[in-house]
PDB file of N, CA and C in Angstrom:
ATOM      1  N   MET A   1      25.294  29.188  -8.240  1.00  0.00           N
ATOM      2  CA  MET A   1      24.731  28.761  -6.974  1.00  0.00           C
ATOM      3  C   MET A   1      24.097  27.764  -6.824  1.00  0.00           C
ATOM      4  N   ARG A   2      22.887  27.642  -7.676  1.00  0.00           N
ATOM      5  CA  ARG A   2      22.130  27.062  -7.975  1.00  0.00           C
ATOM      6  C   ARG A   2      22.161  25.734  -8.248  1.00  0.00           C
ATOM      7  N   LEU A   3      23.154  25.294  -9.351  1.00  0.00           N
ATOM      8  CA  LEU A   3      23.656  24.708  -9.938  1.00  0.00           C
ATOM      9  C   LEU A   3      24.126  23.486  -8.902  1.00  0.00           C
ATOM     10  N   ASP A   4      25.110  24.003  -8.139  1.00  0.00           N
ATOM     11  CA  ASP A   4      25.816  23.581  -7.362  1.00  0.00           C
ATOM     12  C   ASP A   4      24.985  22.672  -6.020  1.00  0.00           C
ATOM     13  N   ALA A   5      23.880  23.685  -5.931  1.00  0.00           N
ATOM     14  CA  ALA A   5      22.919  22.853  -4.574  1.00  0.00           C
ATOM     15  C   ALA A   5      21.859  21.534  -5.474  1.00  0.00           C
ATOM     16  N   MET A   6      21.325  21.833  -6.564  1.00  0.00           N
ATOM     17  CA  MET A   6      21.511  20.731  -7.751  1.00  0.00           C
ATOM     18  C   MET A   6      22.032  19.508  -7.649  1.00  0.00           C
ATOM     19  N   CYS A   7      23.473  19.664  -7.927  1.00  0.00           N
ATOM     20  CA  CYS A   7      24.410  18.493  -8.245  1.00  0.00           C
ATOM     21  C   CYS A   7      24.063  17.822  -7.121  1.00  0.00           C
ATOM     22  N   LEU A   8      24.341  18.526  -5.217  1.00  0.00           N
ATOM     23  CA  LEU A   8      24.227  18.453  -4.249  1.00  0.00           C
ATOM     24  C   LEU A   8      23.474  17.276  -3.745  1.00  0.00           C
ATOM     25  N   ALA A   9      22.030  17.849  -4.244  1.00  0.00           N
ATOM     26  CA  ALA A   9      20.919  17.287  -3.998  1.00  0.00           C
ATOM     27  C   ALA A   9      20.482  15.862  -4.664  1.00  0.00           C
ATOM     28  N   ALA A  10      21.250  16.071  -6.018  1.00  0.00           N
ATOM     29  CA  ALA A  10      21.089  14.717  -6.922  1.00  0.00           C
ATOM     30  C   ALA A  10      22.171  13.656  -6.552  1.00  0.00           C
ATOM     31  N   ALA A  11      23.379  13.903  -5.778  1.00  0.00           N
ATOM     32  CA  ALA A  11      24.411  13.230  -5.361  1.00  0.00           C
ATOM     33  C   ALA A  11      23.668  12.547  -4.018  1.00  0.00           C
ATOM     34  N   ALA A  12      23.309  12.998  -3.132  1.00  0.00           N
ATOM     35  CA  ALA A  12      22.746  12.878  -2.264  1.00  0.00           C
ATOM     36  C   ALA A  12      21.585  11.334  -2.284  1.00  0.00           C
ATOM     37  N   ALA A  13      20.600  12.056  -3.445  1.00  0.00           N
ATOM     38  CA  ALA A  13      19.415  11.077  -3.787  1.00  0.00           C
ATOM     39  C   ALA A  13      20.241   9.668  -4.052  1.00  0.00           C
ATOM     40  N   LEU A  14      21.543   9.613  -4.763  1.00  0.00           N
ATOM     41  CA  LEU A  14      21.698   8.721  -5.461  1.00  0.00           C
ATOM     42  C   LEU A  14      22.983   7.670  -4.899  1.00  0.00           C
ATOM     43  N   LEU A  15      23.144   8.624  -3.787  1.00  0.00           N
ATOM     44  CA  LEU A  15      24.459   7.825  -2.829  1.00  0.00           C
ATOM     45  C   LEU A  15      23.884   6.730  -2.182  1.00  0.00           C
ATOM     46  N   PRO A  16      22.545   6.338  -1.547  1.00  0.00           N
ATOM     47  CA  PRO A  16      22.166   4.930  -0.956  1.00  0.00           C
ATOM     48  C   PRO A  16      22.511   3.587  -2.450  1.00  0.00           C
ATOM     49  N   ALA A  17      22.157   4.133  -3.246  1.00  0.00           N
ATOM     50  CA  ALA A  17      22.379   3.491  -4.785  1.00  0.00           C
ATOM     51  C   ALA A  17      23.587   2.435  -4.788  1.00  0.00           C
ATOM     52  N   ALA A  18      24.280   3.918  -4.799  1.00  0.00           N
ATOM     53  CA  ALA A  18      25.674   3.676  -5.058  1.00  0.00           C
ATOM     54  C   ALA A  18      26.339   2.536  -4.366  1.00  0.00           C
ATOM     55  N   PHE A  19      26.020   2.736  -3.212  1.00  0.00           N
ATOM     56  CA  PHE A  19      26.812   1.942  -1.898  1.00  0.00           C
ATOM     57  C   PHE A  19      25.995   0.536  -1.906  1.00  0.00           C
ATOM     58  N   GLY A  20      25.234   0.420  -2.554  1.00  0.00           N
ATOM     59  CA  GLY A  20      23.895  -0.748  -2.351  1.00  0.00           C
ATOM     60  C   GLY A  20      23.299  -0.957  -1.283  1.00  0.00           C
ATOM     61  N   ALA A  21      22.816  -0.081  -0.864  1.00  0.00           N
ATOM     62  CA  ALA A  21      21.531  -0.058  -0.112  1.00  0.00           C
ATOM     63  C   ALA A  21      20.778  -0.969   0.299  1.00  0.00           C
ATOM     64  N   ALA A  22      20.490  -1.562   1.247  1.00  0.00           N
ATOM     65  CA  ALA A  22      18.840  -2.628   1.428  1.00  0.00           C
ATOM     66  C   ALA A  22      17.707  -1.734   0.841  1.00  0.00           C
ATOM     67  N   GLU A  23      16.842  -2.529   0.513  1.00  0.00           N
ATOM     68  CA  GLU A  23      15.568  -2.417   0.362  1.00  0.00           C
ATOM     69  C   GLU A  23      14.701  -1.767   1.267  1.00  0.00           C
ATOM     70  N   LYS A  24      14.189  -1.067   1.823  1.00  0.00           N
ATOM     71  CA  LYS A  24      13.572  -0.891   2.785  1.00  0.00           C
ATOM     72  C   LYS A  24      12.105  -2.043   2.681  1.00  0.00           C
ATOM     73  N   THR A  25      11.877  -2.483   3.740  1.00  0.00           N
ATOM     74  CA  THR A  25      10.865  -3.317   3.809  1.00  0.00           C
ATOM     75  C   THR A  25       9.735  -2.649   4.473  1.00  0.00           C
ATOM     76  N   ALA A  26       8.378  -3.165   4.423  1.00  0.00           N
ATOM     77  CA  ALA A  26       7.365  -2.206   4.898  1.00  0.00           C
ATOM     78  C   ALA A  26       6.756  -2.922   5.870  1.00  0.00           C
ATOM     79  N   ARG A  27       6.556  -2.472   7.167  1.00  0.00           N
ATOM     80  CA  ARG A  27       6.024  -3.096   8.438  1.00  0.00           C
ATOM     81  C   ARG A  27       4.567  -3.547   8.033  1.00  0.00           C
ATOM     82  N   PRO A  28       4.090  -4.625   8.490  1.00  0.00           N
ATOM     83  CA  PRO A  28       3.191  -5.154   7.993  1.00  0.00           C
ATOM     84  C   PRO A  28       2.229  -4.546   9.342  1.00  0.00           C
ATOM     85  N   PRO A  29       1.215  -4.613   9.112  1.00  0.00           N
ATOM     86  CA  PRO A  29       0.328  -3.414  10.223  1.00  0.00           C
ATOM     87  C   PRO A  29       0.052  -4.920  11.524  1.00  0.00           C
ATOM     88  N   THR A  30      -0.184  -4.348  12.696  1.00  0.00           N
ATOM     89  CA  THR A  30      -0.129  -4.977  14.001  1.00  0.00           C
ATOM     90  C   THR A  30      -1.573  -5.551  14.323  1.00  0.00           C
ATOM     91  N   GLU A  31      -1.929  -6.809  15.207  1.00  0.00           N
ATOM     92  CA  GLU A  31      -2.970  -7.031  15.296  1.00  0.00           C
ATOM     93  C   GLU A  31      -3.776  -5.898  15.645  1.00  0.00           C
ATOM     94  N   GLU A  32      -3.502  -5.308  16.978  1.00  0.00           N
ATOM     95  CA  GLU A  32      -4.222  -4.083  16.994  1.00  0.00           C
ATOM     96  C   GLU A  32      -4.717  -3.058  16.096  1.00  0.00           C
ATOM     97  N   GLU A  33      -3.512  -2.673  15.151  1.00  0.00           N
ATOM     98  CA  GLU A  33      -4.392  -1.993  14.234  1.00  0.00           C
ATOM     99  C   GLU A  33      -5.129  -2.701  12.909  1.00  0.00           C
ATOM    100  N   ILE A  34      -5.415  -4.337  12.804  1.00  0.00           N
ATOM    101  CA  ILE A  34      -6.335  -4.581  11.918  1.00  0.00           C
ATOM    102  C   ILE A  34      -7.183  -4.488  12.629  1.00  0.00           C
ATOM    103  N   ARG A  35      -7.381  -4.731  14.219  1.00  0.00           N
ATOM    104  CA  ARG A  35      -8.554  -4.605  14.723  1.00  0.00           C
ATOM    105  C   ARG A  35      -9.601  -3.858  14.877  1.00  0.00           C
ATOM    106  N   LYS A  36      -8.709  -2.394  14.663  1.00  0.00           N
ATOM    107  CA  LYS A  36      -9.386  -0.924  14.874  1.00  0.00           C
ATOM    108  C   LYS A  36     -10.209  -0.945  13.383  1.00  0.00           C
ATOM    109  N   ILE A  37      -9.537  -1.552  12.247  1.00  0.00           N
ATOM    110  CA  ILE A  37      -9.455  -1.184  10.703  1.00  0.00           C
ATOM    111  C   ILE A  37     -10.896  -2.307  10.878  1.00  0.00           C
ATOM    112  N   GLN A  38     -10.726  -3.233  11.610  1.00  0.00           N
ATOM    113  CA  GLN A  38     -12.179  -4.161  11.188  1.00  0.00           C
ATOM    114  C   GLN A  38     -13.335  -3.656  12.199  1.00  0.00           C
ATOM    115  N   GLU A  39     -12.920  -2.903  13.053  1.00  0.00           N
ATOM    116  CA  GLU A  39     -14.457  -2.422  13.761  1.00  0.00           C
ATOM    117  C   GLU A  39     -14.403  -1.043  13.280  1.00  0.00           C
ATOM    118  N   ALA A  40     -13.771  -0.640  12.509  1.00  0.00           N
ATOM    119  CA  ALA A  40     -14.190   0.831  11.634  1.00  0.00           C
ATOM    120  C   ALA A  40     -14.885   0.451  10.630  1.00  0.00           C
ATOM    121  N   SER A  41     -14.542  -0.760  10.086  1.00  0.00           N
ATOM    122  CA  SER A  41     -15.248  -0.820   8.601  1.00  0.00           C
ATOM    123  C   SER A  41     -16.531  -1.115   8.631  1.00  0.00           C
ATOM    124  N   PRO A  42     -17.374  -0.578   7.432  1.00  0.00           N
ATOM    125  CA  PRO A  42     -18.862  -1.032   7.410  1.00  0.00           C
ATOM    126  C   PRO A  42     -19.151  -2.305   6.999  1.00  0.00           C
ATOM    127  N   ALA A  43     -20.174  -2.888   7.964  1.00  0.00           N
ATOM    128  CA  ALA A  43     -20.380  -4.248   7.370  1.00  0.00           C
ATOM    129  C   ALA A  43     -21.745  -4.611   6.430  1.00  0.00           C
ATOM    130  N   ASP A  44     -22.012  -3.352   5.690  1.00  0.00           N
ATOM    131  CA  ASP A  44     -22.886  -3.660   4.701  1.00  0.00           C
ATOM    132  C   ASP A  44     -22.861  -2.254   3.497  1.00  0.00           C
ATOM    133  N   VAL A  45     -22.882  -2.421   2.442  1.00  0.00           N
ATOM    134  CA  VAL A  45     -23.055  -1.445   1.377  1.00  0.00           C
ATOM    135  C   VAL A  45     -24.579  -0.678   0.990  1.00  0.00           C
ATOM    136  N   PRO A  46     -24.463   0.486   0.669  1.00  0.00           N
ATOM    137  CA  PRO A  46     -26.072   0.751   0.475  1.00  0.00           C
ATOM    138  C   PRO A  46     -26.600   0.142  -0.590  1.00  0.00           C
ATOM    139  N   ALA A  47     -25.657  -0.414  -1.625  1.00  0.00           N
ATOM    140  CA  ALA A  47     -26.121  -0.709  -3.182  1.00  0.00           C
ATOM    141  C   ALA A  47     -25.319  -2.102  -3.414  1.00  0.00           C
ATOM    142  N   ARG A  48     -25.801  -3.095  -3.368  1.00  0.00           N
ATOM    143  CA  ARG A  48     -24.942  -4.313  -4.091  1.00  0.00           C
ATOM    144  C   ARG A  48     -24.974  -3.933  -5.530  1.00  0.00           C
ATOM    145  N   PRO A  49     -23.272  -4.649  -5.872  1.00  0.00           N
ATOM    146  CA  PRO A  49     -23.540  -4.544  -7.070  1.00  0.00           C
ATOM    147  C   PRO A  49     -23.823  -5.873  -7.892  1.00  0.00           C
ATOM    148  N   ALA A  50     -24.665  -5.836  -9.027  1.00  0.00           N
ATOM    149  CA  ALA A  50     -25.163  -6.817  -9.831  1.00  0.00           C
ATOM    150  C   ALA A  50     -24.048  -7.924 -10.239  1.00  0.00           C
ATOM    151  N   GLN A  51     -22.990  -7.959 -10.174  1.00  0.00           N
ATOM    152  CA  GLN A  51     -22.153  -8.514 -10.413  1.00  0.00           C
ATOM    153  C   GLN A  51     -20.981  -8.564  -9.607  1.00  0.00           C
ATOM    154  N   PRO A  52     -20.220  -9.593  -9.070  1.00  0.00           N
ATOM    155  CA  PRO A  52     -18.775  -9.608  -8.438  1.00  0.00           C
ATOM    156  C   PRO A  52     -18.074  -8.536  -8.691  1.00  0.00           C
ATOM    157  N   ARG A  53     -17.572  -7.723  -8.042  1.00  0.00           N
ATOM    158  CA  ARG A  53     -16.255  -6.617  -8.315  1.00  0.00           C
ATOM    159  C   ARG A  53     -15.270  -7.055  -7.812  1.00  0.00           C
ATOM    160  N   LYS A  54     -13.795  -6.652  -8.497  1.00  0.00           N
ATOM    161  CA  LYS A  54     -12.613  -7.303  -8.473  1.00  0.00           C
ATOM    162  C   LYS A  54     -11.604  -5.771  -8.034  1.00  0.00           C
ATOM    163  N   VAL A  55     -11.250  -5.550  -7.299  1.00  0.00           N
ATOM    164  CA  VAL A  55      -9.905  -4.710  -7.127  1.00  0.00           C
ATOM    165  C   VAL A  55      -8.982  -5.348  -6.820  1.00  0.00           C
ATOM    166  N   ILE A  56      -8.011  -4.302  -7.711  1.00  0.00           N
ATOM    167  CA  ILE A  56      -6.247  -5.115  -7.277  1.00  0.00           C
ATOM    168  C   ILE A  56      -5.417  -3.690  -6.918  1.00  0.00           C
ATOM    169  N   VAL A  57      -5.067  -4.076  -5.712  1.00  0.00           N
ATOM    170  CA  VAL A  57      -4.486  -2.807  -4.739  1.00  0.00           C
ATOM    171  C   VAL A  57      -2.998  -3.463  -5.145  1.00  0.00           C
ATOM    172  N   TRP A  58      -2.133  -2.047  -6.007  1.00  0.00           N
ATOM    173  CA  TRP A  58      -1.040  -2.870  -7.001  1.00  0.00           C
ATOM    174  C   TRP A  58       0.176  -1.725  -6.616  1.00  0.00           C
ATOM    175  N   GLY A  59       0.976  -1.886  -6.201  1.00  0.00           N
ATOM    176  CA  GLY A  59       2.127  -0.922  -5.546  1.00  0.00           C
ATOM    177  C   GLY A  59       3.503  -1.450  -4.947  1.00  0.00           C
ATOM    178  N   ARG A  60       4.240  -0.706  -4.845  1.00  0.00           N
ATOM    179  CA  ARG A  60       5.509  -1.364  -4.111  1.00  0.00           C
ATOM    180  C   ARG A  60       5.234  -1.398  -2.960  1.00  0.00           C
ATOM    181  N   LEU A  61       4.622  -2.294  -1.817  1.00  0.00           N
ATOM    182  CA  LEU A  61       4.581  -2.085  -0.367  1.00  0.00           C
ATOM    183  C   LEU A  61       5.763  -1.869   0.409  1.00  0.00           C
ATOM    184  N   ALA A  62       6.773  -2.259  -0.229  1.00  0.00           N
ATOM    185  CA  ALA A  62       8.253  -1.634   0.593  1.00  0.00           C
ATOM    186  C   ALA A  62       8.396  -0.368   0.622  1.00  0.00           C
ATOM    187  N   ALA A  63       7.971   0.297  -0.731  1.00  0.00           N
ATOM    188  CA  ALA A  63       8.311   1.644  -0.915  1.00  0.00           C
ATOM    189  C   ALA A  63       7.865   2.700   0.054  1.00  0.00           C
ATOM    190  N   HIS A  64       6.438   2.216   0.606  1.00  0.00           N
ATOM    191  CA  HIS A  64       6.094   3.329   1.576  1.00  0.00           C
ATOM    192  C   HIS A  64       5.601   2.572   3.146  1.00  0.00           C
ATOM    193  N   GLU A  65       5.838   2.762   4.070  1.00  0.00           N
ATOM    194  CA  GLU A  65       5.448   2.051   5.456  1.00  0.00           C
ATOM    195  C   GLU A  65       3.965   2.172   5.427  1.00  0.00           C
ATOM    196  N   PRO A  66       2.858   3.138   5.011  1.00  0.00           N
ATOM    197  CA  PRO A  66       1.606   2.692   5.616  1.00  0.00           C
ATOM    198  C   PRO A  66       0.990   1.878   3.855  1.00  0.00           C
ATOM    199  N   ASN A  67       1.599   1.721   2.987  1.00  0.00           N
ATOM    200  CA  ASN A  67       0.881   0.798   1.940  1.00  0.00           C
ATOM    201  C   ASN A  67       0.569  -0.451   2.208  1.00  0.00           C
ATOM    202  N   ALA A  68       1.360  -1.278   3.096  1.00  0.00           N
ATOM    203  CA  ALA A  68       1.172  -2.591   4.197  1.00  0.00           C
ATOM    204  C   ALA A  68      -0.520  -2.283   4.755  1.00  0.00           C
ATOM    205  N   THR A  69      -0.241  -1.451   5.302  1.00  0.00           N
ATOM    206  CA  THR A  69      -2.006  -1.531   5.937  1.00  0.00           C
ATOM    207  C   THR A  69      -2.842  -0.610   4.965  1.00  0.00           C
ATOM    208  N   ALA A  70      -2.667  -0.254   4.123  1.00  0.00           N
ATOM    209  CA  ALA A  70      -3.663   0.488   3.401  1.00  0.00           C
ATOM    210  C   ALA A  70      -4.125  -0.659   2.500  1.00  0.00           C
ATOM    211  N   ALA A  71      -3.323  -1.839   1.703  1.00  0.00           N
ATOM    212  CA  ALA A  71      -3.410  -2.918   1.397  1.00  0.00           C
ATOM    213  C   ALA A  71      -4.473  -3.985   2.000  1.00  0.00           C
ATOM    214  N   LYS A  72      -4.032  -3.934   3.777  1.00  0.00           N
ATOM    215  CA  LYS A  72      -5.026  -4.853   4.236  1.00  0.00           C
ATOM    216  C   LYS A  72      -6.191  -4.459   4.775  1.00  0.00           C
ATOM    217  N   THR A  73      -6.407  -2.832   4.356  1.00  0.00           N
ATOM    218  CA  THR A  73      -7.317  -2.070   5.016  1.00  0.00           C
ATOM    219  C   THR A  73      -8.783  -2.515   3.422  1.00  0.00           C
ATOM    220  N   MET A  74      -8.234  -2.557   2.566  1.00  0.00           N
ATOM    221  CA  MET A  74      -8.890  -3.221   1.408  1.00  0.00           C
ATOM    222  C   MET A  74      -9.583  -4.376   1.283  1.00  0.00           C
ATOM    223  N   GLU A  75      -8.563  -5.442   1.736  1.00  0.00           N
ATOM    224  CA  GLU A  75      -8.936  -6.468   1.904  1.00  0.00           C
ATOM    225  C   GLU A  75     -10.269  -6.897   2.981  1.00  0.00           C
ATOM    226  N   ILE A  76      -9.834  -5.835   3.491  1.00  0.00           N
ATOM    227  CA  ILE A  76     -11.222  -5.973   5.073  1.00  0.00           C
ATOM    228  C   ILE A  76     -12.571  -5.575   4.562  1.00  0.00           C
ATOM    229  N   LEU A  77     -12.039  -4.260   4.035  1.00  0.00           N
ATOM    230  CA  LEU A  77     -13.205  -3.615   3.362  1.00  0.00           C
ATOM    231  C   LEU A  77     -14.307  -4.557   2.404  1.00  0.00           C
ATOM    232  N   GLY A  78     -13.503  -4.770   1.765  1.00  0.00           N
ATOM    233  CA  GLY A  78     -14.049  -5.969   0.317  1.00  0.00           C
ATOM    234  C   GLY A  78     -14.528  -7.147   0.930  1.00  0.00           C
ATOM    235  N   LYS A  79     -13.715  -8.032   1.807  1.00  0.00           N
ATOM    236  CA  LYS A  79     -14.414  -8.832   2.389  1.00  0.00           C
ATOM    237  C   LYS A  79     -15.559  -8.785   3.759  1.00  0.00           C
ATOM    238  N   LYS A  80     -15.570  -7.654   4.616  1.00  0.00           N
ATOM    239  CA  LYS A  80     -16.609  -7.581   5.302  1.00  0.00           C
ATOM    240  C   LYS A  80     -17.769  -6.819   4.834  1.00  0.00           C
ATOM    241  N   SER A  81     -17.909  -6.266   3.510  1.00  0.00           N
ATOM    242  CA  SER A  81     -19.186  -5.676   3.132  1.00  0.00           C
ATOM    243  C   SER A  81     -19.331  -6.557   1.985  1.00  0.00           C
ATOM    244  N   GLY A  82     -18.452  -7.649   1.428  1.00  0.00           N
ATOM    245  CA  GLY A  82     -19.070  -8.095   0.327  1.00  0.00           C
ATOM    246  C   GLY A  82     -19.508  -7.411  -1.079  1.00  0.00           C
ATOM    247  N   ALA A  83     -18.566  -5.902  -1.183  1.00  0.00           N
ATOM    248  CA  ALA A  83     -18.838  -5.229  -2.253  1.00  0.00           C
ATOM    249  C   ALA A  83     -18.237  -5.767  -3.393  1.00  0.00           C
ATOM    250  N   PHE A  84     -16.531  -6.356  -3.050  1.00  0.00           N
ATOM    251  CA  PHE A  84     -15.437  -6.507  -4.065  1.00  0.00           C
ATOM    252  C   PHE A  84     -14.931  -7.585  -3.172  1.00  0.00           C
ATOM    253  N   ALA A  85     -13.917  -7.871  -4.122  1.00  0.00           N
ATOM    254  CA  ALA A  85     -12.505  -8.782  -3.892  1.00  0.00           C
ATOM    255  C   ALA A  85     -11.576  -7.971  -3.728  1.00  0.00           C
ATOM    256  N   ALA A  86     -10.372  -8.191  -2.975  1.00  0.00           N
ATOM    257  CA  ALA A  86      -9.657  -6.928  -2.863  1.00  0.00           C
ATOM    258  C   ALA A  86      -8.399  -8.134  -3.236  1.00  0.00           C
ATOM    259  N   THR A  87      -7.210  -8.023  -4.498  1.00  0.00           N
ATOM    260  CA  THR A  87      -6.323  -8.739  -4.581  1.00  0.00           C
ATOM    261  C   THR A  87      -4.910  -7.394  -4.436  1.00  0.00           C
ATOM    262  N   VAL A  88      -3.752  -8.260  -3.610  1.00  0.00           N
ATOM    263  CA  VAL A  88      -3.109  -7.229  -3.239  1.00  0.00           C
ATOM    264  C   VAL A  88      -1.829  -7.947  -3.793  1.00  0.00           C
ATOM    265  N   SER A  89      -0.909  -7.341  -4.934  1.00  0.00           N
ATOM    266  CA  SER A  89      -0.376  -7.612  -5.932  1.00  0.00           C
ATOM    267  C   SER A  89       1.349  -6.097  -5.805  1.00  0.00           C
ATOM    268  N   GLU A  90       2.255  -7.099  -5.767  1.00  0.00           N
ATOM    269  CA  GLU A  90       3.416  -6.080  -6.221  1.00  0.00           C
ATOM    270  C   GLU A  90       3.643  -6.388  -7.056  1.00  0.00           C
ATOM    271  N   ASP A  91       3.434  -7.017  -8.246  1.00  0.00           N
ATOM    272  CA  ASP A  91       3.424  -7.701  -9.891  1.00  0.00           C
ATOM    273  C   ASP A  91       3.062  -6.555 -10.454  1.00  0.00           C
ATOM    274  N   PRO A  92       3.930  -5.932 -11.100  1.00  0.00           N
ATOM    275  CA  PRO A  92       3.016  -4.953 -12.317  1.00  0.00           C
ATOM    276  C   PRO A  92       2.201  -5.516 -13.450  1.00  0.00           C
ATOM    277  N   ALA A  93       2.475  -7.090 -13.827  1.00  0.00           N
ATOM    278  CA  ALA A  93       2.035  -7.918 -14.520  1.00  0.00           C
ATOM    279  C   ALA A  93       0.658  -8.243 -13.984  1.00  0.00           C
ATOM    280  N   ALA A  94       0.324  -8.003 -12.704  1.00  0.00           N
ATOM    281  CA  ALA A  94      -0.963  -8.900 -12.254  1.00  0.00           C
ATOM    282  C   ALA A  94      -2.569  -8.308 -13.085  1.00  0.00           C
TER     283      ALA A  94
END
């Protein structure tokens, strides 16, 4: 019985790929969400780095809807605080 359930779960997981399901696209953050992120972000950091820092925000943004908002948040945090420069990429070679 357990094997039947596992086979059914595997079939359900693979079914969209078998029929060529379109890849999900992430919804970009709204202007209101961006405004809230900017308001909540600190304007300064407790300690300045001796040299400029770089952060790469990597991932498949379409794979999980909040990823686009998280990436935008990192860009805003870096720009507003001056603590780091964020680069957002879906390219694994980045």
